[in-house]
Each structure stands twice: as C-alpha cells, then as structure tokens.
Amino acid sequence: MGAVNYDAADIDQARTTIGAEAGKFGSVADEVPTSVDAGMFGTLGNSSALAQAASALCAALHGEYAAAENLVGSIERTLDDTVSSTGAADTDNQQSIQALQA
C-alpha cells in the first residue's frame, strides 16, 4: 500500500467552513413559526384544519433542520477528529523513526 498524502490545513479549512454552515440550519429553523393560528386564514370554514396542517408542516421543518444541523455538526467533528488523530499518528511515527535511528 502506497503512502497517503493529505494536507491537514486543507482538511482544517474544510472543517471550519462546514462548521460555519451548521449553525445556518438552526437559524433557518428559528424563522419558521412553531404553530399557525387559524385566524391567519380568516373565517374560512376549514381555517382550523388548514392551520393544523400548516403547524404540522412547521413541526416537520423544525425536525428536518435540526437533523441537518446535527449531521453537518457531526461532519465537522469527524474532520476535527481526523486531523487530530492523523497528526498524533504522524508525531508517533516520527518519534519511532528517530528512536530507531538513534
């Protein structure tokens, strides 16, 4: 198996960029109302049913945006773990080589 080349700075930049995006999903969800009042639809006979459907849609949106925020956050954490563990492995390998050469 050949050598694996990676650029820790590029991976860290990707992590930073992805991390900044995670919060945006939560911000979008914050703009979605938690419930819809039937009065919003005036005096329509089905105002209550329409409000319930809209409220269900809003709840679903909140759930989906929360899931997206969690997923993107986990990608950021995975990239951070990758950079940390790879850096630690590189340090260990360098120390092992130096010890063998001594």
Protein backbone atom coordinates (compact mmCIF):
# COMPACT_ATOMS: atom_id res chain seq x y z
CA MET A 1 0.00 0.00 0.00
CA GLY A 2 1.46 3.37 -1.01
CA ALA A 3 1.88 6.49 1.02
CA VAL A 4 -1.21 8.55 1.69
CA ASN A 5 -0.86 12.26 1.11
CA TYR A 6 -3.11 14.72 2.85
CA ASP A 7 -2.99 18.39 3.70
CA ALA A 8 -4.04 19.00 7.30
CA ALA A 9 -4.52 22.70 6.60
CA ASP A 10 -6.97 21.93 3.78
CA ILE A 11 -8.89 19.48 5.95
CA ASP A 12 -8.99 22.02 8.77
CA GLN A 13 -10.24 24.70 6.37
CA ALA A 14 -13.00 22.34 5.22
CA ARG A 15 -13.87 21.67 8.87
CA THR A 16 -14.09 25.40 9.59
CA THR A 17 -16.23 26.05 6.54
CA ILE A 18 -18.57 23.17 7.32
CA GLY A 19 -18.78 24.23 10.96
CA ALA A 20 -19.93 27.70 9.93
CA GLU A 21 -22.66 26.14 7.82
CA ALA A 22 -24.11 24.01 10.64
CA GLY A 23 -25.48 26.99 12.51
CA LYS A 24 -27.25 28.26 9.42
CA PHE A 25 -29.66 25.34 9.56
CA GLY A 26 -30.63 26.27 13.09
CA SER A 27 -31.06 29.90 12.05
CA VAL A 28 -33.45 28.93 9.27
CA ALA A 29 -35.45 26.79 11.67
CA ASP A 30 -35.67 29.72 14.08
CA GLU A 31 -37.52 31.70 11.40
CA VAL A 32 -40.21 29.03 10.95
CA PRO A 33 -43.15 29.55 13.31
CA THR A 34 -43.79 26.83 15.86
CA SER A 35 -47.53 26.91 15.22
CA VAL A 36 -50.04 28.62 12.95
CA ASP A 37 -53.19 30.27 14.25
CA ALA A 38 -56.45 29.52 12.42
CA GLY A 39 -57.20 33.26 12.42
CA MET A 40 -54.44 33.65 9.88
CA PHE A 41 -56.80 32.16 7.31
CA GLY A 42 -59.73 34.39 8.15
CA THR A 43 -63.21 33.00 8.53
CA LEU A 44 -62.88 30.09 6.13
CA GLY A 45 -64.77 27.01 7.18
CA ASN A 46 -61.61 24.95 7.05
CA SER A 47 -59.35 27.52 8.76
CA SER A 48 -58.73 25.23 11.72
CA ALA A 49 -57.81 22.23 9.58
CA LEU A 50 -55.59 24.39 7.38
CA ALA A 51 -53.85 25.84 10.46
CA GLN A 52 -53.29 22.32 11.83
CA ALA A 53 -51.77 21.21 8.54
CA ALA A 54 -49.53 24.28 8.42
CA SER A 55 -48.47 23.68 12.03
CA ALA A 56 -47.62 20.06 11.20
CA LEU A 57 -45.54 21.28 8.26
CA CYS A 58 -43.72 23.74 10.52
CA ALA A 59 -43.01 20.99 13.06
CA ALA A 60 -41.64 18.77 10.30
CA LEU A 61 -39.43 21.60 9.05
CA HIS A 62 -38.05 22.16 12.54
CA GLY A 63 -37.23 18.45 12.81
CA GLU A 64 -35.54 18.32 9.42
CA TYR A 65 -33.46 21.44 10.01
CA ALA A 66 -32.40 20.14 13.45
CA ALA A 67 -31.36 16.85 11.86
CA ALA A 68 -29.41 18.69 9.16
CA GLU A 69 -27.67 20.85 11.77
CA ASN A 70 -26.71 17.72 13.73
CA LEU A 71 -25.46 15.94 10.62
CA VAL A 72 -23.33 18.86 9.47
CA GLY A 73 -22.02 19.26 13.02
CA SER A 74 -21.03 15.60 13.10
CA ILE A 75 -19.16 16.03 9.81
CA GLU A 76 -17.24 18.91 11.36
CA ARG A 77 -16.40 16.83 14.44
CA THR A 78 -15.31 13.90 12.26
CA LEU A 79 -12.96 16.12 10.26
CA ASP A 80 -11.57 17.54 13.50
CA ASP A 81 -11.02 14.03 14.86
CA THR A 82 -9.35 13.03 11.58
CA VAL A 83 -6.89 15.92 11.70
CA SER A 84 -6.15 15.29 15.39
CA SER A 85 -5.65 11.54 15.09
CA THR A 86 -3.64 11.80 11.89
CA GLY A 87 -1.41 14.44 13.41
CA ALA A 88 -0.91 12.30 16.50
CA ALA A 89 -0.07 9.27 14.34
CA ASP A 90 2.43 11.33 12.34
CA THR A 91 4.10 12.51 15.55
CA ASP A 92 4.26 8.95 16.90
CA ASN A 93 5.74 7.71 13.63
CA GLN A 94 8.39 10.44 13.60
CA GLN A 95 9.36 9.62 17.18
CA SER A 96 9.56 5.91 16.36
CA ILE A 97 11.80 6.56 13.37
CA GLN A 98 14.02 8.85 15.41
CA ALA A 99 14.29 6.21 18.14
CA LEU A 100 15.28 3.57 15.57
CA GLN A 101 17.91 5.85 14.08
CA ALA A 102 19.43 6.66 17.45
